[in-house]
Amino acid sequence: MLVLLPPSEGKAAPGRGAPLKPGSLSLPGLAPARAAALDELVELCSGDEDKAREVLGLSEGLRGEVAKNAALRTAGTRPAGEIYTGVLYDALGLGTLDAAAKRRAASSLLIFSGLWGAVRVSDRIPSYRCSMGVKLPGLGALGAHWREPMATVMPEAAGRGLVLDLRSSAYTAAWQPKGELAGRTATVRVLHARVDERTGEEKRSVVSHFNKATKGRIVRDLLTSGAAPKTPASLVAALRDLGHVVEAEEPARAGRTWRLDVVVREVH
């Protein structure tokens, strides 16, 4: 099983480890595109600070992120699983997994990134600021920049197994499964179910903030249980066994992904 995660806007403080070694990152087929994005970002942030903030969509309070980006080649690194923070990663709690679950995380989790394309949780990277929605002056929209190399690399990474796609919409711009691979890919939507006090009817709504927390808990449950579903249908069964309320929508035709609705009655 390959699990695709979004990154987080917030990042941990720079690490004390050795500087970035681009050749050490997973998915070496992305190396040329990574080098191009890194060169563009460092050049942008080494020049006019106000222009860099505008391109990156940073507020005045995040001005320090520009200098951090300018120093990416010499900054200390940490494993990506420690760099990314926020609601999903707090719920996932990579640092508190047992040894077996950590091994499963290292082999099955793939974090998408505007700067790196995608990395494993064990890949050592510096803290940075560059979302997939950014348009760098020389490269243009990063989603489009990653599309061609991802089209080659991602089917190889997925192999013949299940793909659980938990990315946010901005990161699906870089790659979407096609053909036979789409048929063994499942996306997840989190719905909040509550009873209308006036009518007694159940109403459902899409949640945003708690969507991330629920997805983090789903991944943690799969990792800690050792579940190894090989198809979207077996993923549904595994999640139900783990106590999640899941409704599945099979693709209407070939080349489409499965959609799973995870229904929560309490948001936290």
Protein backbone atom coordinates (compact mmCIF):
# COMPACT_ATOMS: atom_id res chain seq x y z
CA MET A 1 0.00 0.00 0.00
CA LEU A 2 1.21 3.48 -0.91
CA VAL A 3 -0.27 6.38 1.06
CA LEU A 4 -0.07 9.86 -0.49
CA LEU A 5 -0.07 12.74 2.00
CA PRO A 6 -0.10 16.51 1.63
CA PRO A 7 2.68 18.48 3.32
CA SER A 8 1.97 21.14 5.92
CA GLU A 9 2.35 24.89 5.60
CA GLY A 10 4.04 25.03 8.97
CA LYS A 11 7.40 23.31 9.30
CA ALA A 12 9.61 22.41 12.24
CA ALA A 13 12.68 24.53 12.94
CA PRO A 14 15.75 23.76 10.82
CA GLY A 15 17.59 20.65 11.93
CA ARG A 16 21.18 20.31 13.07
CA GLY A 17 21.96 17.53 10.64
CA ALA A 18 24.18 17.77 7.58
CA PRO A 19 23.01 20.00 4.71
CA LEU A 20 20.80 18.65 1.95
CA LYS A 21 22.21 15.85 -0.20
CA PRO A 22 19.87 15.84 -3.22
CA GLY A 23 21.17 12.48 -4.40
CA SER A 24 20.07 10.83 -1.17
CA LEU A 25 16.37 11.58 -1.65
CA SER A 26 13.93 8.85 -2.64
CA LEU A 27 12.40 8.74 -6.12
CA PRO A 28 15.61 9.66 -7.98
CA GLY A 29 13.64 10.13 -11.19
CA LEU A 30 12.51 13.47 -9.75
CA ALA A 31 16.10 14.73 -9.32
CA PRO A 32 16.27 17.05 -12.37
CA ALA A 33 12.91 18.65 -11.55
CA ARG A 34 13.96 19.04 -7.90
CA ALA A 35 17.21 20.74 -8.92
CA ALA A 36 15.32 23.17 -11.16
CA ALA A 37 12.80 24.06 -8.45
CA LEU A 38 15.50 24.48 -5.80
CA ASP A 39 17.62 26.70 -8.05
CA GLU A 40 14.61 28.90 -8.85
CA LEU A 41 13.49 29.20 -5.23
CA VAL A 42 16.95 30.00 -3.87
CA GLU A 43 17.55 32.59 -6.60
CA LEU A 44 14.17 34.22 -5.98
CA CYS A 45 14.70 34.42 -2.24
CA SER A 46 18.28 35.67 -2.55
CA GLY A 47 17.08 38.78 -4.38
CA ASP A 48 14.26 41.26 -3.77
CA GLU A 49 12.60 40.19 -0.52
CA ASP A 50 9.28 41.89 -1.24
CA LYS A 51 9.05 40.23 -4.67
CA ALA A 52 9.81 36.86 -3.09
CA ARG A 53 7.10 37.35 -0.49
CA GLU A 54 4.61 38.25 -3.21
CA VAL A 55 5.46 35.22 -5.34
CA LEU A 56 5.30 32.86 -2.36
CA GLY A 57 2.13 34.43 -0.95
CA LEU A 58 3.74 35.24 2.40
CA SER A 59 2.44 37.82 4.85
CA GLU A 60 4.63 40.44 6.49
CA GLY A 61 4.79 38.23 9.56
CA LEU A 62 6.39 35.45 7.51
CA ARG A 63 9.15 37.65 6.07
CA GLY A 64 11.76 35.43 7.76
CA GLU A 65 10.76 32.53 5.53
CA VAL A 66 12.40 34.26 2.56
CA ALA A 67 15.83 34.24 4.19
CA LYS A 68 15.30 30.64 5.23
CA ASN A 69 14.62 29.66 1.61
CA ALA A 70 17.70 31.55 0.41
CA ALA A 71 19.87 29.38 2.67
CA LEU A 72 18.36 26.00 1.76
CA ARG A 73 21.58 24.55 0.36
CA THR A 74 23.50 25.03 3.61
CA ALA A 75 20.67 24.64 6.16
CA GLY A 76 20.57 21.68 8.50
CA THR A 77 18.19 18.84 7.69
CA ARG A 78 15.79 16.52 9.47
CA PRO A 79 13.77 13.52 8.31
CA ALA A 80 10.72 14.77 6.41
CA GLY A 81 8.49 13.06 8.97
CA GLU A 82 9.85 15.51 11.54
CA ILE A 83 9.85 18.58 9.28
CA TYR A 84 6.12 18.51 8.53
CA THR A 85 3.87 19.57 11.39
CA GLY A 86 0.23 20.59 11.74
CA VAL A 87 -3.11 18.90 12.32
CA LEU A 88 -2.69 15.81 10.13
CA TYR A 89 0.83 15.09 11.36
CA ASP A 90 -0.11 15.69 15.00
CA ALA A 91 -2.89 13.10 14.65
CA LEU A 92 -0.59 10.71 12.80
CA GLY A 93 2.07 11.00 15.52
CA LEU A 94 4.95 9.44 13.62
CA GLY A 95 7.33 9.92 16.53
CA THR A 96 5.17 7.86 18.89
CA LEU A 97 4.71 4.83 16.63
CA ASP A 98 6.26 1.54 17.68
CA ALA A 99 9.20 0.16 15.72
CA ALA A 100 7.13 -2.03 13.41
CA ALA A 101 4.70 0.78 12.58
CA LYS A 102 7.63 3.14 11.90
CA ARG A 103 9.03 0.65 9.40
CA ARG A 104 5.66 0.47 7.68
CA ALA A 105 5.51 4.28 7.60
CA ALA A 106 8.96 4.50 6.03
CA SER A 107 7.98 2.16 3.21
CA SER A 108 4.38 3.24 2.57
CA LEU A 109 4.06 7.00 3.17
CA LEU A 110 4.86 9.52 0.45
CA ILE A 111 4.57 13.25 1.17
CA PHE A 112 3.93 15.55 -1.80
CA SER A 113 5.75 18.89 -1.91
CA GLY A 114 5.88 21.94 -4.12
CA LEU A 115 9.67 22.01 -3.80
CA TRP A 116 10.68 18.32 -3.71
CA GLY A 117 7.84 16.74 -5.70
CA ALA A 118 7.43 13.90 -3.22
CA VAL A 119 9.58 12.50 -0.42
CA ARG A 120 9.57 9.57 1.99
CA VAL A 121 9.25 10.32 5.71
CA SER A 122 12.87 9.21 6.19
CA ASP A 123 14.30 11.57 3.54
CA ARG A 124 16.37 14.31 5.16
CA ILE A 125 15.31 17.79 4.00
CA PRO A 126 15.68 21.34 5.31
CA SER A 127 12.74 23.40 6.52
CA TYR A 128 11.36 25.52 3.65
CA ARG A 129 8.33 27.47 2.47
CA CYS A 130 6.99 26.84 -1.04
CA SER A 131 3.51 25.48 -1.69
CA MET A 132 2.37 23.65 -4.81
CA GLY A 133 0.23 26.66 -5.78
CA VAL A 134 3.29 28.89 -6.26
CA LYS A 135 4.31 30.14 -9.72
CA LEU A 136 8.08 30.59 -9.76
CA PRO A 137 9.34 33.22 -12.25
CA GLY A 138 11.32 30.82 -14.44
CA LEU A 139 9.34 27.60 -14.01
CA GLY A 140 5.77 28.80 -13.80
CA ALA A 141 3.15 26.88 -11.85
CA LEU A 142 4.75 24.14 -9.77
CA GLY A 143 1.81 21.79 -10.26
CA ALA A 144 2.51 21.81 -14.00
CA HIS A 145 6.29 21.61 -13.43
CA TRP A 146 5.92 18.29 -11.62
CA ARG A 147 3.38 16.70 -13.92
CA GLU A 148 5.73 15.16 -16.49
CA PRO A 149 8.32 13.62 -14.12
CA MET A 150 5.56 12.41 -11.80
CA ALA A 151 3.83 10.64 -14.68
CA THR A 152 6.87 8.35 -14.92
CA VAL A 153 7.88 8.08 -11.28
CA MET A 154 4.55 7.56 -9.54
CA PRO A 155 3.39 4.40 -11.35
CA GLU A 156 6.77 2.86 -10.51
CA ALA A 157 6.40 3.86 -6.84
CA ALA A 158 2.87 2.45 -6.67
CA GLY A 159 3.85 -0.89 -8.17
CA ARG A 160 0.93 -3.32 -8.27
CA GLY A 161 -0.54 -2.36 -4.92
CA LEU A 162 -3.25 -0.15 -3.47
CA VAL A 163 -2.88 3.64 -3.44
CA LEU A 164 -4.59 5.60 -0.68
CA ASP A 165 -4.66 9.22 -1.82
CA LEU A 166 -5.15 11.68 1.06
CA ARG A 167 -3.72 14.74 -0.68
CA SER A 168 -5.44 18.11 -0.75
CA SER A 169 -6.62 19.41 -4.12
CA ALA A 170 -3.60 21.68 -4.68
CA TYR A 171 -1.29 18.66 -4.67
CA THR A 172 -3.38 16.52 -7.00
CA ALA A 173 -2.38 19.03 -9.72
CA ALA A 174 1.08 17.44 -9.77
CA TRP A 175 -0.14 13.91 -10.45
CA GLN A 176 -3.36 11.97 -10.87
CA PRO A 177 -3.54 8.21 -11.37
CA LYS A 178 -4.73 7.02 -14.74
CA GLY A 179 -5.97 3.82 -16.29
CA GLU A 180 -5.60 0.61 -14.34
CA LEU A 181 -3.78 2.39 -11.50
CA ALA A 182 -6.75 4.68 -10.96
CA GLY A 183 -8.93 1.62 -10.39
CA ARG A 184 -6.85 0.60 -7.38
CA THR A 185 -6.64 4.11 -5.95
CA ALA A 186 -8.97 5.33 -3.21
CA THR A 187 -9.55 8.94 -2.20
CA VAL A 188 -11.11 9.91 1.12
CA ARG A 189 -13.67 12.55 2.01
CA VAL A 190 -14.51 13.19 5.67
CA LEU A 191 -18.14 13.97 6.49
CA HIS A 192 -19.50 15.25 9.80
CA ALA A 193 -22.87 13.66 10.62
CA ARG A 194 -25.17 15.30 13.14
CA VAL A 195 -28.85 15.14 13.96
CA ASP A 196 -31.00 18.21 13.35
CA GLU A 197 -32.68 18.95 16.68
CA ARG A 198 -35.82 20.29 14.99
CA THR A 199 -36.47 17.54 12.48
CA GLY A 200 -34.57 14.59 13.93
CA GLU A 201 -32.98 14.04 10.53
CA GLU A 202 -29.29 13.33 10.08
CA LYS A 203 -27.40 15.97 8.15
CA ARG A 204 -23.90 15.68 6.79
CA SER A 205 -21.35 18.30 5.88
CA VAL A 206 -17.79 18.26 4.60
CA VAL A 207 -15.31 19.26 7.29
CA SER A 208 -12.02 21.07 6.69
CA HIS A 209 -9.81 21.43 9.76
CA PHE A 210 -11.00 18.14 11.24
CA ASN A 211 -10.70 16.47 7.86
CA LYS A 212 -6.93 16.59 8.36
CA ALA A 213 -7.08 15.16 11.88
CA THR A 214 -9.32 12.30 10.77
CA LYS A 215 -7.01 11.44 7.88
CA GLY A 216 -4.05 11.43 10.28
CA ARG A 217 -5.86 9.03 12.61
CA ILE A 218 -6.81 6.76 9.70
CA VAL A 219 -3.18 6.44 8.63
CA ARG A 220 -2.03 5.86 12.20
CA ASP A 221 -4.63 3.13 12.70
CA LEU A 222 -3.55 1.36 9.51
CA LEU A 223 0.13 1.55 10.48
CA THR A 224 -0.30 0.40 14.07
CA SER A 225 -2.69 -2.43 13.18
CA GLY A 226 -0.40 -3.84 10.52
CA ALA A 227 -3.31 -3.96 8.08
CA ALA A 228 -2.12 -4.50 4.52
CA PRO A 229 -5.11 -4.09 2.19
CA LYS A 230 -4.32 -4.74 -1.45
CA THR A 231 -7.49 -3.35 -3.05
CA PRO A 232 -9.87 -0.47 -2.33
CA ALA A 233 -12.53 -2.98 -1.28
CA SER A 234 -10.21 -4.60 1.25
CA LEU A 235 -9.23 -1.13 2.49
CA VAL A 236 -12.89 -0.42 3.23
CA ALA A 237 -13.11 -3.67 5.20
CA ALA A 238 -9.90 -2.90 7.10
CA LEU A 239 -11.06 0.59 8.07
CA ARG A 240 -14.42 -0.75 9.25
CA ASP A 241 -12.62 -3.38 11.32
CA LEU A 242 -10.64 -0.53 12.91
CA GLY A 243 -13.87 1.19 13.95
CA HIS A 244 -14.28 3.77 11.19
CA VAL A 245 -17.65 4.35 9.54
CA VAL A 246 -16.91 4.13 5.82
CA GLU A 247 -19.18 4.35 2.79
CA ALA A 248 -17.62 3.38 -0.52
CA GLU A 249 -18.42 4.53 -4.02
CA GLU A 250 -16.95 2.25 -6.65
CA PRO A 251 -15.88 3.89 -9.92
CA ALA A 252 -18.64 3.96 -12.51
CA ARG A 253 -16.20 3.05 -15.26
CA ALA A 254 -12.61 2.04 -15.81
CA GLY A 255 -9.95 4.65 -15.25
CA ARG A 256 -11.70 6.28 -12.30
CA THR A 257 -10.73 6.15 -8.63
CA TRP A 258 -12.74 4.83 -5.71
CA ARG A 259 -14.18 7.44 -3.35
CA LEU A 260 -14.51 6.63 0.33
CA ASP A 261 -16.61 8.75 2.68
CA VAL A 262 -15.48 8.48 6.30
CA VAL A 263 -18.37 9.60 8.50
CA VAL A 264 -17.58 11.11 11.92
CA ARG A 265 -20.12 12.12 14.55
CA GLU A 266 -17.68 13.96 16.77
CA VAL A 267 -15.06 16.36 15.41
CA HIS A 268 -11.91 16.74 17.44
